[in-house]
Protein backbone atom coordinates (compact mmCIF):
# COMPACT_ATOMS: atom_id res chain seq x y z
CA MET A 1 203.78 110.70 76.80
CA ASP A 2 207.53 110.39 77.11
CA GLU A 3 207.49 113.06 79.82
CA LEU A 4 205.11 110.93 81.88
CA LEU A 5 207.32 107.87 81.55
CA LYS A 6 210.28 109.85 82.92
CA ARG A 7 208.42 109.81 86.25
CA ILE A 8 208.94 106.03 86.49
CA GLU A 9 212.24 104.69 87.80
CA ILE A 10 213.62 101.16 87.93
CA ASN A 11 216.53 100.82 90.31
CA PRO A 12 217.66 97.51 91.83
CA GLU A 13 218.45 99.43 95.05
CA VAL A 14 214.84 100.60 95.45
CA MET A 15 211.99 98.16 96.16
CA GLY A 16 213.93 95.27 94.67
CA GLY A 17 213.99 96.86 91.22
CA LYS A 18 210.22 97.17 90.85
CA PRO A 19 209.12 100.22 88.89
CA VAL A 20 208.42 103.13 91.25
CA ILE A 21 207.48 106.76 91.00
CA LYS A 22 210.84 108.51 90.77
CA GLY A 23 212.11 109.76 94.12
CA THR A 24 209.68 107.59 96.10
CA ARG A 25 209.24 104.00 97.20
CA ILE A 26 205.71 103.91 95.79
CA THR A 27 205.51 101.13 93.21
CA VAL A 28 203.49 101.23 90.03
CA GLU A 29 201.97 97.98 91.26
CA SER A 30 200.68 99.56 94.47
CA ILE A 31 199.06 102.42 92.57
CA LEU A 32 197.36 100.00 90.18
CA ARG A 33 196.19 97.85 93.08
CA ARG A 34 194.61 100.83 94.83
CA LEU A 35 192.83 101.82 91.63
CA SER A 36 191.55 98.25 91.20
CA GLU A 37 190.27 98.32 94.79
CA GLY A 38 188.05 101.23 93.80
CA LEU A 39 190.05 104.17 95.10
CA ASN A 40 189.97 107.19 92.87
CA ILE A 41 192.88 109.48 92.07
CA LYS A 42 191.86 112.01 94.72
CA GLU A 43 191.83 109.30 97.42
CA ILE A 44 195.25 108.03 96.39
CA LEU A 45 196.63 111.56 96.49
CA GLU A 46 195.20 111.99 99.98
CA ASP A 47 197.04 108.82 101.08
CA TYR A 48 200.25 109.93 99.34
CA PRO A 49 200.26 113.75 99.35
CA TYR A 50 203.73 113.87 97.77
CA LEU A 51 202.40 112.21 94.59
CA THR A 52 200.72 114.12 91.79
CA GLU A 53 197.97 113.23 89.36
CA GLU A 54 200.68 113.03 86.68
CA ASP A 55 202.48 110.37 88.76
CA ILE A 56 199.35 108.23 88.76
CA ARG A 57 198.86 108.77 85.03
CA ALA A 58 202.51 107.78 84.54
CA ALA A 59 201.89 104.52 86.42
CA LEU A 60 198.93 103.74 84.18
CA LEU A 61 200.89 104.59 81.05
CA TYR A 62 203.85 102.47 82.18
CA ALA A 63 201.56 99.48 82.81
CA SER A 64 199.96 99.86 79.40
CA LYS A 65 203.38 100.00 77.73
CA VAL A 66 204.48 96.82 79.53
CA LEU A 67 201.33 95.00 78.41
CA GLU A 68 201.66 96.39 74.90
CA SER A 69 205.01 94.67 74.48
CA GLU A 70 203.89 91.38 76.05
CA THR A 71 203.99 88.39 73.73
CA ILE A 72 201.06 86.03 73.96
CA ILE A 73 201.45 82.50 72.70
CA PRO A 74 198.08 80.83 72.21
CA VAL A 75 197.78 77.27 73.44
CA ILE A 76 195.85 74.96 71.19
CA SER A 77 194.23 72.10 73.03
């Protein structure tokens, strides 16, 4: 898993510091959005031929790690 996460880069000079696939300007957010729109991995790779399936898996893993560490404070009404 750590090898996958090495594919993600956060650099304030690239895309305003949003997490991207290393060496590209493709954000994790844009990959997740395309998946949520119903595109499959093959279709994303056709749109971005310089990405790999591992890059897309890295984006998913990164997102899950971010959510894993999120603190939720329940509101009692």
